[in-house]
């Protein structure tokens, strides 16, 4: 059995009513990065954890889509045929 470790870092920053997240996947082959943003409605209570969670979720979702796009490109590079993955 061969075990590999991948890690994901999520960086969060907040400015006024916006929270921005960057998700970075580290693998032996390299790195993929995606981002996400959450904006608080001025009428809502200021609960930073909610903005962090939403921005991080959006960044991780975008990262998952980037990884799927990478997989498609890798498969097409090997098979020389179009690939359509179910998402």
C-alpha atoms as a PDB file:
ATOM      1  CA  UNK A   1       0.000   0.000   0.000  1.00  0.00           C
ATOM      2  CA  UNK A   2       1.237   3.467  -0.873  1.00  0.00           C
ATOM      3  CA  UNK A   3      -0.007   6.416   1.135  1.00  0.00           C
ATOM      4  CA  UNK A   4       0.147  10.018  -0.023  1.00  0.00           C
ATOM      5  CA  UNK A   5      -0.662  13.120   1.957  1.00  0.00           C
ATOM      6  CA  UNK A   6      -2.326  16.188   0.529  1.00  0.00           C
ATOM      7  CA  UNK A   7      -3.041  19.228   2.638  1.00  0.00           C
ATOM      8  CA  UNK A   8      -5.292  22.237   2.271  1.00  0.00           C
ATOM      9  CA  UNK A   9      -4.637  25.607   3.869  1.00  0.00           C
ATOM     10  CA  UNK A  10      -7.460  28.121   4.179  1.00  0.00           C
ATOM     11  CA  UNK A  11      -6.507  31.758   4.731  1.00  0.00           C
ATOM     12  CA  UNK A  12      -9.200  34.200   5.871  1.00  0.00           C
ATOM     13  CA  UNK A  13      -9.145  37.971   5.850  1.00  0.00           C
ATOM     14  CA  UNK A  14     -11.865  40.405   6.809  1.00  0.00           C
ATOM     15  CA  UNK A  15     -12.373  43.987   5.743  1.00  0.00           C
ATOM     16  CA  UNK A  16     -15.473  45.880   6.835  1.00  0.00           C
ATOM     17  CA  UNK A  17     -18.460  43.749   5.755  1.00  0.00           C
ATOM     18  CA  UNK A  18     -16.507  41.337   3.514  1.00  0.00           C
ATOM     19  CA  UNK A  19     -14.640  38.155   4.329  1.00  0.00           C
ATOM     20  CA  UNK A  20     -12.261  36.691   1.772  1.00  0.00           C
ATOM     21  CA  UNK A  21     -10.919  33.132   1.846  1.00  0.00           C
ATOM     22  CA  UNK A  22      -8.128  31.536  -0.138  1.00  0.00           C
ATOM     23  CA  UNK A  23      -7.972  27.730  -0.214  1.00  0.00           C
ATOM     24  CA  UNK A  24      -4.658  26.227  -1.290  1.00  0.00           C
ATOM     25  CA  UNK A  25      -4.233  22.500  -2.017  1.00  0.00           C
ATOM     26  CA  UNK A  26      -0.676  21.168  -1.715  1.00  0.00           C
ATOM     27  CA  UNK A  27       0.249  17.921  -3.490  1.00  0.00           C
ATOM     28  CA  UNK A  28       3.499  16.337  -4.603  1.00  0.00           C
ATOM     29  CA  UNK A  29       2.616  17.457  -8.138  1.00  0.00           C
ATOM     30  CA  UNK A  30       2.095  21.082  -7.153  1.00  0.00           C
ATOM     31  CA  UNK A  31      -0.508  23.475  -5.887  1.00  0.00           C
ATOM     32  CA  UNK A  32      -4.048  24.546  -6.746  1.00  0.00           C
ATOM     33  CA  UNK A  33      -5.596  27.706  -5.370  1.00  0.00           C
ATOM     34  CA  UNK A  34      -9.130  29.094  -5.338  1.00  0.00           C
ATOM     35  CA  UNK A  35     -10.914  31.842  -3.476  1.00  0.00           C
ATOM     36  CA  UNK A  36     -14.303  32.735  -2.090  1.00  0.00           C
ATOM     37  CA  UNK A  37     -15.955  35.794  -0.617  1.00  0.00           C
ATOM     38  CA  UNK A  38     -18.801  36.460   1.800  1.00  0.00           C
ATOM     39  CA  UNK A  39     -20.477  39.827   2.243  1.00  0.00           C
ATOM     40  CA  UNK A  40     -22.508  40.700   5.292  1.00  0.00           C
ATOM     41  CA  UNK A  41     -25.727  42.556   4.740  1.00  0.00           C
ATOM     42  CA  UNK A  42     -25.450  45.832   6.705  1.00  0.00           C
ATOM     43  CA  UNK A  43     -28.803  45.043   8.342  1.00  0.00           C
ATOM     44  CA  UNK A  44     -27.493  41.724   9.739  1.00  0.00           C
ATOM     45  CA  UNK A  45     -25.714  41.234  13.067  1.00  0.00           C
ATOM     46  CA  UNK A  46     -21.926  41.105  12.914  1.00  0.00           C
ATOM     47  CA  UNK A  47     -21.068  37.426  13.470  1.00  0.00           C
ATOM     48  CA  UNK A  48     -17.569  36.917  12.005  1.00  0.00           C
ATOM     49  CA  UNK A  49     -17.742  33.114  12.222  1.00  0.00           C
ATOM     50  CA  UNK A  50     -20.585  33.065   9.701  1.00  0.00           C
ATOM     51  CA  UNK A  51     -18.609  35.124   7.202  1.00  0.00           C
ATOM     52  CA  UNK A  52     -15.567  32.879   7.746  1.00  0.00           C
ATOM     53  CA  UNK A  53     -17.633  29.738   7.194  1.00  0.00           C
ATOM     54  CA  UNK A  54     -19.329  31.032   4.055  1.00  0.00           C
ATOM     55  CA  UNK A  55     -16.152  32.415   2.478  1.00  0.00           C
ATOM     56  CA  UNK A  56     -14.255  29.201   3.302  1.00  0.00           C
ATOM     57  CA  UNK A  57     -17.062  27.029   1.908  1.00  0.00           C
ATOM     58  CA  UNK A  58     -17.066  29.014  -1.322  1.00  0.00           C
ATOM     59  CA  UNK A  59     -13.279  28.813  -1.620  1.00  0.00           C
ATOM     60  CA  UNK A  60     -13.272  25.055  -0.966  1.00  0.00           C
ATOM     61  CA  UNK A  61     -16.096  24.530  -3.455  1.00  0.00           C
ATOM     62  CA  UNK A  62     -14.185  26.501  -6.089  1.00  0.00           C
ATOM     63  CA  UNK A  63     -11.066  24.473  -5.265  1.00  0.00           C
ATOM     64  CA  UNK A  64     -12.991  21.215  -5.775  1.00  0.00           C
ATOM     65  CA  UNK A  65     -14.130  22.436  -9.201  1.00  0.00           C
ATOM     66  CA  UNK A  66     -10.564  23.414 -10.128  1.00  0.00           C
ATOM     67  CA  UNK A  67      -9.392  19.948  -9.092  1.00  0.00           C
ATOM     68  CA  UNK A  68     -12.094  18.328 -11.246  1.00  0.00           C
ATOM     69  CA  UNK A  69     -11.029  20.510 -14.201  1.00  0.00           C
ATOM     70  CA  UNK A  70      -7.445  19.369 -13.618  1.00  0.00           C
ATOM     71  CA  UNK A  71      -8.550  15.726 -13.609  1.00  0.00           C
ATOM     72  CA  UNK A  72     -10.399  16.216 -16.904  1.00  0.00           C
ATOM     73  CA  UNK A  73      -7.321  17.785 -18.477  1.00  0.00           C
ATOM     74  CA  UNK A  74      -5.084  14.996 -17.189  1.00  0.00           C
ATOM     75  CA  UNK A  75      -7.407  12.248 -18.485  1.00  0.00           C
ATOM     76  CA  UNK A  76      -7.747  13.962 -21.861  1.00  0.00           C
ATOM     77  CA  UNK A  77      -3.966  14.281 -22.031  1.00  0.00           C
ATOM     78  CA  UNK A  78      -3.612  10.515 -21.616  1.00  0.00           C
ATOM     79  CA  UNK A  79      -6.586   9.319 -23.679  1.00  0.00           C
ATOM     80  CA  UNK A  80      -6.607  12.089 -26.336  1.00  0.00           C
ATOM     81  CA  UNK A  81     -10.408  12.017 -26.107  1.00  0.00           C
ATOM     82  CA  UNK A  82     -12.919  14.465 -24.618  1.00  0.00           C
ATOM     83  CA  UNK A  83     -13.936  13.686 -21.042  1.00  0.00           C
ATOM     84  CA  UNK A  84     -17.145  14.705 -19.288  1.00  0.00           C
ATOM     85  CA  UNK A  85     -17.273  13.928 -15.581  1.00  0.00           C
ATOM     86  CA  UNK A  86     -20.544  13.919 -13.685  1.00  0.00           C
ATOM     87  CA  UNK A  87     -20.480  16.640 -11.073  1.00  0.00           C
END
